[in-house]
């Protein structure tokens, strides 16, 4: 029903405002009762806490990797020398873009991102 706990809480609140109760058959949660509301919100709070912990650990891991000199992301398709050569060919406007892409074995978006980087 919801992609995240926040979505689910919003849906349950909307349903409740319309006089409709939420009952989870698998977890035996019924928001028409006080106990059911308490359990639902406790589960939601625990899920949010767990999501925040995962996010913090991920950030800490990325920071530790950066401190060790590791850089994330996909490696560049071309080294600096080939990128400069590509930009030179492009700026001369003698070679078609498709030919440049085939020659360097890259896509058009990659070519244009290198051009953009080169102009900065």
PDB file of N, CA and C in Angstrom:
ATOM      1  N   UNK A   1       0.821  -1.197   0.000  1.00  0.00           N
ATOM      2  CA  UNK A   1       0.000   0.000   0.000  1.00  0.00           C
ATOM      3  C   UNK A   1       0.860   1.255   0.000  1.00  0.00           C
ATOM      4  N   UNK A   2       1.955   1.236   0.750  1.00  0.00           N
ATOM      5  CA  UNK A   2       2.823   2.405   0.790  1.00  0.00           C
ATOM      6  C   UNK A   2       4.254   2.024   0.490  1.00  0.00           C
ATOM      7  N   UNK A   3       4.995   2.946  -0.104  1.00  0.00           N
ATOM      8  CA  UNK A   3       6.389   2.657  -0.436  1.00  0.00           C
ATOM      9  C   UNK A   3       7.301   2.895   0.753  1.00  0.00           C
ATOM     10  N   UNK A   4       6.859   3.721   1.670  1.00  0.00           N
ATOM     11  CA  UNK A   4       7.669   3.970   2.848  1.00  0.00           C
ATOM     12  C   UNK A   4       6.744   4.058   4.052  1.00  0.00           C
ATOM     13  N   UNK A   5       7.333   4.043   5.213  1.00  0.00           N
ATOM     14  CA  UNK A   5       6.543   4.141   6.435  1.00  0.00           C
ATOM     15  C   UNK A   5       5.794   5.474   6.463  1.00  0.00           C
ATOM     16  N   UNK A   6       6.449   6.537   5.996  1.00  0.00           N
ATOM     17  CA  UNK A   6       5.789   7.846   5.968  1.00  0.00           C
ATOM     18  C   UNK A   6       4.526   7.803   5.101  1.00  0.00           C
ATOM     19  N   UNK A   7       4.633   7.173   3.932  1.00  0.00           N
ATOM     20  CA  UNK A   7       3.465   7.035   3.063  1.00  0.00           C
ATOM     21  C   UNK A   7       2.359   6.255   3.754  1.00  0.00           C
ATOM     22  N   UNK A   8       2.744   5.169   4.416  1.00  0.00           N
ATOM     23  CA  UNK A   8       1.756   4.339   5.097  1.00  0.00           C
ATOM     24  C   UNK A   8       1.074   5.109   6.230  1.00  0.00           C
ATOM     25  N   UNK A   9       1.843   5.867   6.991  1.00  0.00           N
ATOM     26  CA  UNK A   9       1.254   6.667   8.073  1.00  0.00           C
ATOM     27  C   UNK A   9       0.296   7.699   7.496  1.00  0.00           C
ATOM     28  N   UNK A  10       0.686   8.347   6.417  1.00  0.00           N
ATOM     29  CA  UNK A  10      -0.195   9.335   5.779  1.00  0.00           C
ATOM     30  C   UNK A  10      -1.485   8.689   5.292  1.00  0.00           C
ATOM     31  N   UNK A  11      -1.363   7.498   4.682  1.00  0.00           N
ATOM     32  CA  UNK A  11      -2.558   6.788   4.209  1.00  0.00           C
ATOM     33  C   UNK A  11      -3.478   6.421   5.370  1.00  0.00           C
ATOM     34  N   UNK A  12      -2.907   5.913   6.442  1.00  0.00           N
ATOM     35  CA  UNK A  12      -3.716   5.517   7.602  1.00  0.00           C
ATOM     36  C   UNK A  12      -4.395   6.732   8.205  1.00  0.00           C
ATOM     37  N   UNK A  13      -3.701   7.854   8.275  1.00  0.00           N
ATOM     38  CA  UNK A  13      -4.285   9.090   8.789  1.00  0.00           C
ATOM     39  C   UNK A  13      -5.427   9.561   7.901  1.00  0.00           C
ATOM     40  N   UNK A  14      -5.233   9.513   6.592  1.00  0.00           N
ATOM     41  CA  UNK A  14      -6.284   9.903   5.650  1.00  0.00           C
ATOM     42  C   UNK A  14      -7.507   9.000   5.805  1.00  0.00           C
ATOM     43  N   UNK A  15      -7.256   7.700   5.892  1.00  0.00           N
ATOM     44  CA  UNK A  15      -8.364   6.757   6.074  1.00  0.00           C
ATOM     45  C   UNK A  15      -9.096   7.023   7.383  1.00  0.00           C
ATOM     46  N   UNK A  16      -8.315   7.275   8.428  1.00  0.00           N
ATOM     47  CA  UNK A  16      -8.904   7.529   9.751  1.00  0.00           C
ATOM     48  C   UNK A  16      -9.771   8.786   9.733  1.00  0.00           C
ATOM     49  N   UNK A  17      -9.316   9.834   9.030  1.00  0.00           N
ATOM     50  CA  UNK A  17     -10.102  11.075   8.922  1.00  0.00           C
ATOM     51  C   UNK A  17     -11.415  10.842   8.188  1.00  0.00           C
ATOM     52  N   UNK A  18     -11.435   9.832   7.301  1.00  0.00           N
ATOM     53  CA  UNK A  18     -12.654   9.500   6.569  1.00  0.00           C
ATOM     54  C   UNK A  18     -13.499   8.471   7.304  1.00  0.00           C
ATOM     55  N   UNK A  19     -13.094   8.131   8.518  1.00  0.00           N
ATOM     56  CA  UNK A  19     -13.864   7.185   9.318  1.00  0.00           C
ATOM     57  C   UNK A  19     -13.588   5.733   8.982  1.00  0.00           C
ATOM     58  N   UNK A  20     -12.450   5.465   8.334  1.00  0.00           N
ATOM     59  CA  UNK A  20     -12.102   4.103   7.950  1.00  0.00           C
ATOM     60  C   UNK A  20     -10.930   3.643   8.800  1.00  0.00           C
ATOM     61  N   UNK A  21     -11.031   2.433   9.331  1.00  0.00           N
ATOM     62  CA  UNK A  21      -9.946   1.880  10.131  1.00  0.00           C
ATOM     63  C   UNK A  21      -9.004   1.066   9.261  1.00  0.00           C
ATOM     64  N   UNK A  22      -7.788   0.910   9.714  1.00  0.00           N
ATOM     65  CA  UNK A  22      -6.780   0.116   8.997  1.00  0.00           C
ATOM     66  C   UNK A  22      -6.537  -1.143   9.799  1.00  0.00           C
ATOM     67  N   UNK A  23      -6.594  -2.284   9.122  1.00  0.00           N
ATOM     68  CA  UNK A  23      -6.330  -3.552   9.787  1.00  0.00           C
ATOM     69  C   UNK A  23      -5.334  -4.343   8.950  1.00  0.00           C
ATOM     70  N   UNK A  24      -4.201  -4.630   9.547  1.00  0.00           N
ATOM     71  CA  UNK A  24      -3.202  -5.469   8.892  1.00  0.00           C
ATOM     72  C   UNK A  24      -3.444  -6.893   9.341  1.00  0.00           C
ATOM     73  N   UNK A  25      -3.803  -7.749   8.416  1.00  0.00           N
ATOM     74  CA  UNK A  25      -4.132  -9.126   8.760  1.00  0.00           C
ATOM     75  C   UNK A  25      -2.897  -9.927   9.157  1.00  0.00           C
ATOM     76  N   UNK A  26      -1.779  -9.656   8.510  1.00  0.00           N
ATOM     77  CA  UNK A  26      -0.567 -10.428   8.777  1.00  0.00           C
ATOM     78  C   UNK A  26       0.018 -10.078  10.154  1.00  0.00           C
ATOM     79  N   UNK A  27       0.050  -8.789  10.503  1.00  0.00           N
ATOM     80  CA  UNK A  27       0.653  -8.377  11.778  1.00  0.00           C
ATOM     81  C   UNK A  27      -0.375  -8.233  12.892  1.00  0.00           C
ATOM     82  N   UNK A  28      -1.639  -8.442  12.598  1.00  0.00           N
ATOM     83  CA  UNK A  28      -2.730  -8.311  13.583  1.00  0.00           C
ATOM     84  C   UNK A  28      -2.752  -6.924  14.211  1.00  0.00           C
ATOM     85  N   UNK A  29      -2.638  -5.902  13.375  1.00  0.00           N
ATOM     86  CA  UNK A  29      -2.712  -4.519  13.849  1.00  0.00           C
ATOM     87  C   UNK A  29      -4.053  -3.961  13.398  1.00  0.00           C
ATOM     88  N   UNK A  30      -4.777  -3.373  14.334  1.00  0.00           N
ATOM     89  CA  UNK A  30      -6.086  -2.780  14.028  1.00  0.00           C
ATOM     90  C   UNK A  30      -6.087  -1.362  14.583  1.00  0.00           C
ATOM     91  N   UNK A  31      -6.062  -0.347  13.700  1.00  0.00           N
ATOM     92  CA  UNK A  31      -5.952   1.040  14.155  1.00  0.00           C
ATOM     93  C   UNK A  31      -7.278   1.611  14.643  1.00  0.00           C
ATOM     94  N   UNK A  32      -8.311   0.791  14.669  1.00  0.00           N
ATOM     95  CA  UNK A  32      -9.577   1.278  15.247  1.00  0.00           C
ATOM     96  C   UNK A  32      -9.544   1.168  16.762  1.00  0.00           C
ATOM     97  N   UNK A  33      -8.524   0.502  17.313  1.00  0.00           N
ATOM     98  CA  UNK A  33      -8.381   0.387  18.762  1.00  0.00           C
ATOM     99  C   UNK A  33      -7.166   1.181  19.219  1.00  0.00           C
ATOM    100  N   UNK A  34      -7.175   1.547  20.477  1.00  0.00           N
ATOM    101  CA  UNK A  34      -6.044   2.300  21.035  1.00  0.00           C
ATOM    102  C   UNK A  34      -4.767   1.471  21.008  1.00  0.00           C
ATOM    103  N   UNK A  35      -4.873   0.199  21.343  1.00  0.00           N
ATOM    104  CA  UNK A  35      -3.692  -0.677  21.322  1.00  0.00           C
ATOM    105  C   UNK A  35      -3.153  -0.808  19.899  1.00  0.00           C
ATOM    106  N   UNK A  36      -4.023  -0.938  18.937  1.00  0.00           N
ATOM    107  CA  UNK A  36      -3.619  -1.068  17.547  1.00  0.00           C
ATOM    108  C   UNK A  36      -2.890   0.167  17.054  1.00  0.00           C
ATOM    109  N   UNK A  37      -3.405   1.353  17.434  1.00  0.00           N
ATOM    110  CA  UNK A  37      -2.746   2.610  17.054  1.00  0.00           C
ATOM    111  C   UNK A  37      -1.352   2.692  17.667  1.00  0.00           C
ATOM    112  N   UNK A  38      -1.254   2.296  18.942  1.00  0.00           N
ATOM    113  CA  UNK A  38       0.037   2.326  19.625  1.00  0.00           C
ATOM    114  C   UNK A  38       1.038   1.410  18.926  1.00  0.00           C
ATOM    115  N   UNK A  39       0.635   0.184  18.646  1.00  0.00           N
ATOM    116  CA  UNK A  39       1.532  -0.774  17.989  1.00  0.00           C
ATOM    117  C   UNK A  39       1.929  -0.274  16.606  1.00  0.00           C
ATOM    118  N   UNK A  40       0.965   0.255  15.842  1.00  0.00           N
ATOM    119  CA  UNK A  40       1.257   0.769  14.508  1.00  0.00           C
ATOM    120  C   UNK A  40       2.302   1.872  14.557  1.00  0.00           C
ATOM    121  N   UNK A  41       2.124   2.821  15.461  1.00  0.00           N
ATOM    122  CA  UNK A  41       3.071   3.940  15.544  1.00  0.00           C
ATOM    123  C   UNK A  41       4.420   3.511  16.123  1.00  0.00           C
ATOM    124  N   UNK A  42       4.426   2.513  17.011  1.00  0.00           N
ATOM    125  CA  UNK A  42       5.708   1.989  17.494  1.00  0.00           C
ATOM    126  C   UNK A  42       6.484   1.329  16.362  1.00  0.00           C
ATOM    127  N   UNK A  43       5.784   0.518  15.555  1.00  0.00           N
ATOM    128  CA  UNK A  43       6.446  -0.102  14.406  1.00  0.00           C
ATOM    129  C   UNK A  43       6.978   0.968  13.456  1.00  0.00           C
ATOM    130  N   UNK A  44       6.180   1.996  13.231  1.00  0.00           N
ATOM    131  CA  UNK A  44       6.612   3.075  12.331  1.00  0.00           C
ATOM    132  C   UNK A  44       7.849   3.777  12.886  1.00  0.00           C
ATOM    133  N   UNK A  45       7.861   4.038  14.193  1.00  0.00           N
ATOM    134  CA  UNK A  45       9.011   4.711  14.802  1.00  0.00           C
ATOM    135  C   UNK A  45      10.258   3.829  14.736  1.00  0.00           C
ATOM    136  N   UNK A  46      10.096   2.534  14.973  1.00  0.00           N
ATOM    137  CA  UNK A  46      11.230   1.616  14.893  1.00  0.00           C
ATOM    138  C   UNK A  46      11.764   1.514  13.463  1.00  0.00           C
ATOM    139  N   UNK A  47      10.863   1.484  12.501  1.00  0.00           N
ATOM    140  CA  UNK A  47      11.292   1.418  11.097  1.00  0.00           C
ATOM    141  C   UNK A  47      12.046   2.686  10.705  1.00  0.00           C
ATOM    142  N   UNK A  48      11.578   3.837  11.148  1.00  0.00           N
ATOM    143  CA  UNK A  48      12.269   5.099  10.850  1.00  0.00           C
ATOM    144  C   UNK A  48      13.642   5.123  11.510  1.00  0.00           C
ATOM    145  N   UNK A  49      13.705   4.651  12.759  1.00  0.00           N
ATOM    146  CA  UNK A  49      14.978   4.587  13.478  1.00  0.00           C
ATOM    147  C   UNK A  49      15.969   3.696  12.731  1.00  0.00           C
ATOM    148  N   UNK A  50      15.505   2.521  12.272  1.00  0.00           N
ATOM    149  CA  UNK A  50      16.370   1.603  11.548  1.00  0.00           C
ATOM    150  C   UNK A  50      16.852   2.217  10.235  1.00  0.00           C
ATOM    151  N   UNK A  51      15.946   2.898   9.521  1.00  0.00           N
ATOM    152  CA  UNK A  51      16.322   3.550   8.265  1.00  0.00           C
ATOM    153  C   UNK A  51      17.386   4.621   8.507  1.00  0.00           C
ATOM    154  N   UNK A  52      17.235   5.390   9.584  1.00  0.00           N
ATOM    155  CA  UNK A  52      18.228   6.421   9.913  1.00  0.00           C
ATOM    156  C   UNK A  52      19.579   5.807  10.279  1.00  0.00           C
ATOM    157  N   UNK A  53      19.545   4.678  11.010  1.00  0.00           N
ATOM    158  CA  UNK A  53      20.801   3.997  11.354  1.00  0.00           C
ATOM    159  C   UNK A  53      21.533   3.519  10.104  1.00  0.00           C
ATOM    160  N   UNK A  54      20.796   2.935   9.177  1.00  0.00           N
ATOM    161  CA  UNK A  54      21.404   2.466   7.933  1.00  0.00           C
ATOM    162  C   UNK A  54      22.025   3.631   7.180  1.00  0.00           C
ATOM    163  N   UNK A  55      21.316   4.753   7.122  1.00  0.00           N
ATOM    164  CA  UNK A  55      21.822   5.937   6.428  1.00  0.00           C
ATOM    165  C   UNK A  55      23.102   6.453   7.085  1.00  0.00           C
ATOM    166  N   UNK A  56      23.120   6.515   8.416  1.00  0.00           N
ATOM    167  CA  UNK A  56      24.314   6.989   9.134  1.00  0.00           C
ATOM    168  C   UNK A  56      25.502   6.062   8.892  1.00  0.00           C
ATOM    169  N   UNK A  57      25.245   4.761   8.925  1.00  0.00           N
ATOM    170  CA  UNK A  57      26.337   3.795   8.714  1.00  0.00           C
ATOM    171  C   UNK A  57      26.876   3.881   7.292  1.00  0.00           C
ATOM    172  N   UNK A  58      25.976   4.081   6.338  1.00  0.00           N
ATOM    173  CA  UNK A  58      26.409   4.215   4.952  1.00  0.00           C
ATOM    174  C   UNK A  58      27.293   5.442   4.796  1.00  0.00           C
ATOM    175  N   UNK A  59      26.853   6.578   5.353  1.00  0.00           N
ATOM    176  CA  UNK A  59      27.651   7.809   5.277  1.00  0.00           C
ATOM    177  C   UNK A  59      29.003   7.628   5.946  1.00  0.00           C
ATOM    178  N   UNK A  60      29.022   6.963   7.110  1.00  0.00           N
ATOM    179  CA  UNK A  60      30.281   6.735   7.825  1.00  0.00           C
ATOM    180  C   UNK A  60      31.218   5.853   6.997  1.00  0.00           C
ATOM    181  N   UNK A  61      30.664   4.831   6.351  1.00  0.00           N
ATOM    182  CA  UNK A  61      31.477   3.961   5.502  1.00  0.00           C
ATOM    183  C   UNK A  61      32.057   4.705   4.319  1.00  0.00           C
ATOM    184  N   UNK A  62      31.245   5.557   3.682  1.00  0.00           N
ATOM    185  CA  UNK A  62      31.740   6.352   2.551  1.00  0.00           C
ATOM    186  C   UNK A  62      32.819   7.334   2.994  1.00  0.00           C
ATOM    187  N   UNK A  63      32.617   7.960   4.152  1.00  0.00           N
ATOM    188  CA  UNK A  63      33.630   8.887   4.680  1.00  0.00           C
ATOM    189  C   UNK A  63      34.940   8.161   4.986  1.00  0.00           C
ATOM    190  N   UNK A  64      34.831   6.965   5.567  1.00  0.00           N
ATOM    191  CA  UNK A  64      36.037   6.182   5.881  1.00  0.00           C
ATOM    192  C   UNK A  64      36.763   5.785   4.604  1.00  0.00           C
ATOM    193  N   UNK A  65      36.007   5.417   3.578  1.00  0.00           N
ATOM    194  CA  UNK A  65      36.627   5.049   2.297  1.00  0.00           C
ATOM    195  C   UNK A  65      37.323   6.249   1.671  1.00  0.00           C
ATOM    196  N   UNK A  66      36.689   7.417   1.730  1.00  0.00           N
ATOM    197  CA  UNK A  66      37.320   8.634   1.193  1.00  0.00           C
ATOM    198  C   UNK A  66      38.596   8.960   1.946  1.00  0.00           C
ATOM    199  N   UNK A  67      38.579   8.748   3.280  1.00  0.00           N
ATOM    200  CA  UNK A  67      39.765   9.026   4.087  1.00  0.00           C
ATOM    201  C   UNK A  67      40.918   8.101   3.698  1.00  0.00           C
ATOM    202  N   UNK A  68      40.585   6.885   3.210  1.00  0.00           N
ATOM    203  CA  UNK A  68      41.615   5.951   2.759  1.00  0.00           C
ATOM    204  C   UNK A  68      42.013   6.194   1.305  1.00  0.00           C
ATOM    205  N   UNK A  69      41.428   7.233   0.701  1.00  0.00           N
ATOM    206  CA  UNK A  69      41.789   7.573  -0.673  1.00  0.00           C
ATOM    207  C   UNK A  69      40.931   6.906  -1.727  1.00  0.00           C
ATOM    208  N   UNK A  70      39.888   6.236  -1.335  1.00  0.00           N
ATOM    209  CA  UNK A  70      38.991   5.576  -2.289  1.00  0.00           C
ATOM    210  C   UNK A  70      37.962   6.575  -2.774  1.00  0.00           C
ATOM    211  N   UNK A  71      37.666   6.512  -4.044  1.00  0.00           N
ATOM    212  CA  UNK A  71      36.657   7.399  -4.608  1.00  0.00           C
ATOM    213  C   UNK A  71      35.582   6.527  -5.237  1.00  0.00           C
ATOM    214  N   UNK A  72      34.340   6.762  -4.875  1.00  0.00           N
ATOM    215  CA  UNK A  72      33.257   5.951  -5.394  1.00  0.00           C
ATOM    216  C   UNK A  72      32.851   6.369  -6.788  1.00  0.00           C
ATOM    217  N   UNK A  73      31.930   5.620  -7.347  1.00  0.00           N
ATOM    218  CA  UNK A  73      31.399   5.955  -8.653  1.00  0.00           C
ATOM    219  C   UNK A  73      32.058   5.160  -9.766  1.00  0.00           C
ATOM    220  N   UNK A  74      31.482   5.311 -10.922  1.00  0.00           N
ATOM    221  CA  UNK A  74      31.984   4.598 -12.092  1.00  0.00           C
ATOM    222  C   UNK A  74      33.238   5.291 -12.618  1.00  0.00           C
ATOM    223  N   UNK A  75      34.237   4.521 -13.032  1.00  0.00           N
ATOM    224  CA  UNK A  75      35.450   5.137 -13.572  1.00  0.00           C
ATOM    225  C   UNK A  75      35.152   5.853 -14.898  1.00  0.00           C
ATOM    226  N   UNK A  76      35.918   6.880 -15.189  1.00  0.00           N
ATOM    227  CA  UNK A  76      35.772   7.616 -16.442  1.00  0.00           C
ATOM    228  C   UNK A  76      36.118   6.711 -17.612  1.00  0.00           C
ATOM    229  N   UNK A  77      35.406   6.896 -18.722  1.00  0.00           N
ATOM    230  CA  UNK A  77      35.640   6.079 -19.916  1.00  0.00           C
ATOM    231  C   UNK A  77      36.969   6.430 -20.579  1.00  0.00           C
ATOM    232  N   UNK A  78      37.377   7.685 -20.480  1.00  0.00           N
ATOM    233  CA  UNK A  78      38.605   8.139 -21.135  1.00  0.00           C
ATOM    234  C   UNK A  78      39.543   8.769 -20.118  1.00  0.00           C
ATOM    235  N   UNK A  79      40.841   8.602 -20.339  1.00  0.00           N
ATOM    236  CA  UNK A  79      41.804   9.273 -19.465  1.00  0.00           C
ATOM    237  C   UNK A  79      41.909  10.748 -19.872  1.00  0.00           C
ATOM    238  N   UNK A  80      42.673  11.516 -19.111  1.00  0.00           N
ATOM    239  CA  UNK A  80      42.772  12.967 -19.341  1.00  0.00           C
ATOM    240  C   UNK A  80      43.277  13.305 -20.742  1.00  0.00           C
ATOM    241  N   UNK A  81      44.261  12.558 -21.206  1.00  0.00           N
ATOM    242  CA  UNK A  81      44.845  12.835 -22.523  1.00  0.00           C
ATOM    243  C   UNK A  81      43.813  12.628 -23.632  1.00  0.00           C
ATOM    244  N   UNK A  82      43.076  11.536 -23.565  1.00  0.00           N
ATOM    245  CA  UNK A  82      42.065  11.262 -24.581  1.00  0.00           C
ATOM    246  C   UNK A  82      40.910  12.270 -24.506  1.00  0.00           C
ATOM    247  N   UNK A  83      40.580  12.691 -23.287  1.00  0.00           N
ATOM    248  CA  UNK A  83      39.522  13.698 -23.150  1.00  0.00           C
ATOM    249  C   UNK A  83      39.917  15.008 -23.803  1.00  0.00           C
ATOM    250  N   UNK A  84      41.157  15.432 -23.586  1.00  0.00           N
ATOM    251  CA  UNK A  84      41.629  16.677 -24.205  1.00  0.00           C
ATOM    252  C   UNK A  84      41.616  16.563 -25.726  1.00  0.00           C
ATOM    253  N   UNK A  85      42.055  15.423 -26.225  1.00  0.00           N
ATOM    254  CA  UNK A  85      42.050  15.177 -27.661  1.00  0.00           C
ATOM    255  C   UNK A  85      40.618  15.217 -28.215  1.00  0.00           C
ATOM    256  N   UNK A  86      39.704  14.598 -27.506  1.00  0.00           N
ATOM    257  CA  UNK A  86      38.294  14.589 -27.909  1.00  0.00           C
ATOM    258  C   UNK A  86      37.738  16.009 -27.970  1.00  0.00           C
ATOM    259  N   UNK A  87      38.024  16.811 -26.953  1.00  0.00           N
ATOM    260  CA  UNK A  87      37.527  18.191 -26.910  1.00  0.00           C
ATOM    261  C   UNK A  87      38.129  19.002 -28.063  1.00  0.00           C
ATOM    262  N   UNK A  88      39.413  18.798 -28.328  1.00  0.00           N
ATOM    263  CA  UNK A  88      40.047  19.499 -29.453  1.00  0.00           C
ATOM    264  C   UNK A  88      39.366  19.159 -30.779  1.00  0.00           C
ATOM    265  N   UNK A  89      39.150  17.860 -31.017  1.00  0.00           N
ATOM    266  CA  UNK A  89      38.460  17.436 -32.241  1.00  0.00           C
ATOM    267  C   UNK A  89      37.069  18.045 -32.333  1.00  0.00           C
ATOM    268  N   UNK A  90      36.368  18.051 -31.214  1.00  0.00           N
ATOM    269  CA  UNK A  90      35.006  18.578 -31.193  1.00  0.00           C
ATOM    270  C   UNK A  90      34.991  20.070 -31.524  1.00  0.00           C
ATOM    271  N   UNK A  91      35.904  20.813 -30.921  1.00  0.00           N
ATOM    272  CA  UNK A  91      35.937  22.267 -31.120  1.00  0.00           C
ATOM    273  C   UNK A  91      36.392  22.655 -32.527  1.00  0.00           C
ATOM    274  N   UNK A  92      37.129  21.790 -33.205  1.00  0.00           N
ATOM    275  CA  UNK A  92      37.530  22.070 -34.587  1.00  0.00           C
ATOM    276  C   UNK A  92      36.349  21.949 -35.544  1.00  0.00           C
ATOM    277  N   UNK A  93      35.329  21.234 -35.132  1.00  0.00           N
ATOM    278  CA  UNK A  93      34.091  21.063 -35.906  1.00  0.00           C
ATOM    279  C   UNK A  93      34.323  20.471 -37.296  1.00  0.00           C
ATOM    280  N   UNK A  94      35.343  19.653 -37.424  1.00  0.00           N
ATOM    281  CA  UNK A  94      35.622  18.992 -38.706  1.00  0.00           C
ATOM    282  C   UNK A  94      35.113  17.543 -38.700  1.00  0.00           C
ATOM    283  N   UNK A  95      35.041  16.964 -37.518  1.00  0.00           N
ATOM    284  CA  UNK A  95      34.635  15.563 -37.390  1.00  0.00           C
ATOM    285  C   UNK A  95      33.227  15.491 -36.806  1.00  0.00           C
ATOM    286  N   UNK A  96      32.330  14.737 -37.435  1.00  0.00           N
ATOM    287  CA  UNK A  96      30.966  14.609 -36.896  1.00  0.00           C
ATOM    288  C   UNK A  96      30.961  13.971 -35.502  1.00  0.00           C
ATOM    289  N   UNK A  97      29.970  14.351 -34.718  1.00  0.00           N
ATOM    290  CA  UNK A  97      29.858  13.853 -33.344  1.00  0.00           C
ATOM    291  C   UNK A  97      29.766  12.328 -33.323  1.00  0.00           C
ATOM    292  N   UNK A  98      28.971  11.744 -34.225  1.00  0.00           N
ATOM    293  CA  UNK A  98      28.847  10.284 -34.263  1.00  0.00           C
ATOM    294  C   UNK A  98      30.192   9.608 -34.501  1.00  0.00           C
ATOM    295  N   UNK A  99      31.003  10.195 -35.364  1.00  0.00           N
ATOM    296  CA  UNK A  99      32.320   9.632 -35.648  1.00  0.00           C
ATOM    297  C   UNK A  99      33.222   9.731 -34.425  1.00  0.00           C
ATOM    298  N   UNK A 100      33.169  10.856 -33.749  1.00  0.00           N
ATOM    299  CA  UNK A 100      33.964  11.015 -32.512  1.00  0.00           C
ATOM    300  C   UNK A 100      33.565   9.966 -31.481  1.00  0.00           C
ATOM    301  N   UNK A 101      32.260   9.763 -31.348  1.00  0.00           N
ATOM    302  CA  UNK A 101      31.774   8.788 -30.367  1.00  0.00           C
ATOM    303  C   UNK A 101      32.240   7.382 -30.718  1.00  0.00           C
ATOM    304  N   UNK A 102      32.143   7.021 -31.990  1.00  0.00           N
ATOM    305  CA  UNK A 102      32.587   5.688 -32.403  1.00  0.00           C
ATOM    306  C   UNK A 102      34.102   5.541 -32.232  1.00  0.00           C
ATOM    307  N   UNK A 103      34.827   6.601 -32.562  1.00  0.00           N
ATOM    308  CA  UNK A 103      36.280   6.574 -32.475  1.00  0.00           C
ATOM    309  C   UNK A 103      36.733   6.362 -31.022  1.00  0.00           C
ATOM    310  N   UNK A 104      36.067   7.026 -30.081  1.00  0.00           N
ATOM    311  CA  UNK A 104      36.459   6.936 -28.676  1.00  0.00           C
ATOM    312  C   UNK A 104      35.673   5.864 -27.915  1.00  0.00           C
ATOM    313  N   UNK A 105      34.714   5.227 -28.593  1.00  0.00           N
ATOM    314  CA  UNK A 105      33.877   4.193 -27.996  1.00  0.00           C
ATOM    315  C   UNK A 105      33.120   4.713 -26.774  1.00  0.00           C
ATOM    316  N   UNK A 106      32.475   5.862 -26.961  1.00  0.00           N
ATOM    317  CA  UNK A 106      31.661   6.464 -25.909  1.00  0.00           C
ATOM    318  C   UNK A 106      30.314   6.854 -26.509  1.00  0.00           C
ATOM    319  N   UNK A 107      29.364   7.187 -25.642  1.00  0.00           N
ATOM    320  CA  UNK A 107      28.047   7.621 -26.104  1.00  0.00           C
ATOM    321  C   UNK A 107      28.029   9.141 -26.270  1.00  0.00           C
ATOM    322  N   UNK A 108      26.981   9.633 -26.932  1.00  0.00           N
ATOM    323  CA  UNK A 108      26.856  11.085 -27.107  1.00  0.00           C
ATOM    324  C   UNK A 108      26.746  11.815 -25.767  1.00  0.00           C
ATOM    325  N   UNK A 109      25.915  11.316 -24.821  1.00  0.00           N
ATOM    326  CA  UNK A 109      25.864  12.013 -23.527  1.00  0.00           C
ATOM    327  C   UNK A 109      27.225  12.091 -22.835  1.00  0.00           C
ATOM    328  N   UNK A 110      28.021  11.032 -22.957  1.00  0.00           N
ATOM    329  CA  UNK A 110      29.362  11.052 -22.361  1.00  0.00           C
ATOM    330  C   UNK A 110      30.222  12.111 -23.037  1.00  0.00           C
ATOM    331  N   UNK A 111      30.148  12.165 -24.366  1.00  0.00           N
ATOM    332  CA  UNK A 111      30.910  13.181 -25.112  1.00  0.00           C
ATOM    333  C   UNK A 111      30.527  14.579 -24.628  1.00  0.00           C
ATOM    334  N   UNK A 112      29.234  14.847 -24.560  1.00  0.00           N
ATOM    335  CA  UNK A 112      28.800  16.185 -24.157  1.00  0.00           C
ATOM    336  C   UNK A 112      29.145  16.497 -22.699  1.00  0.00           C
ATOM    337  N   UNK A 113      29.164  15.484 -21.832  1.00  0.00           N
ATOM    338  CA  UNK A 113      29.574  15.761 -20.453  1.00  0.00           C
ATOM    339  C   UNK A 113      31.059  16.105 -20.390  1.00  0.00           C
ATOM    340  N   UNK A 114      31.885  15.455 -21.242  1.00  0.00           N
ATOM    341  CA  UNK A 114      33.308  15.808 -21.304  1.00  0.00           C
ATOM    342  C   UNK A 114      33.484  17.222 -21.854  1.00  0.00           C
ATOM    343  N   UNK A 115      32.693  17.591 -22.849  1.00  0.00           N
ATOM    344  CA  UNK A 115      32.766  18.939 -23.410  1.00  0.00           C
ATOM    345  C   UNK A 115      32.408  19.957 -22.327  1.00  0.00           C
ATOM    346  N   UNK A 116      31.347  19.657 -21.586  1.00  0.00           N
ATOM    347  CA  UNK A 116      30.917  20.564 -20.510  1.00  0.00           C
ATOM    348  C   UNK A 116      31.998  20.705 -19.447  1.00  0.00           C
ATOM    349  N   UNK A 117      32.608  19.581 -19.052  1.00  0.00           N
ATOM    350  CA  UNK A 117      33.694  19.609 -18.060  1.00  0.00           C
ATOM    351  C   UNK A 117      34.871  20.426 -18.581  1.00  0.00           C
ATOM    352  N   UNK A 118      35.176  20.270 -19.863  1.00  0.00           N
ATOM    353  CA  UNK A 118      36.308  20.964 -20.449  1.00  0.00           C
ATOM    354  C   UNK A 118      36.109  22.473 -20.517  1.00  0.00           C
ATOM    355  N   UNK A 119      34.860  22.925 -20.591  1.00  0.00           N
ATOM    356  CA  UNK A 119      34.577  24.354 -20.659  1.00  0.00           C
ATOM    357  C   UNK A 119      34.524  25.011 -19.285  1.00  0.00           C
ATOM    358  N   UNK A 120      34.605  24.224 -18.239  1.00  0.00           N
ATOM    359  CA  UNK A 120      34.554  24.810 -16.878  1.00  0.00           C
ATOM    360  C   UNK A 120      35.905  25.161 -16.365  1.00  0.00           C
TER     361      UNK A 120
END
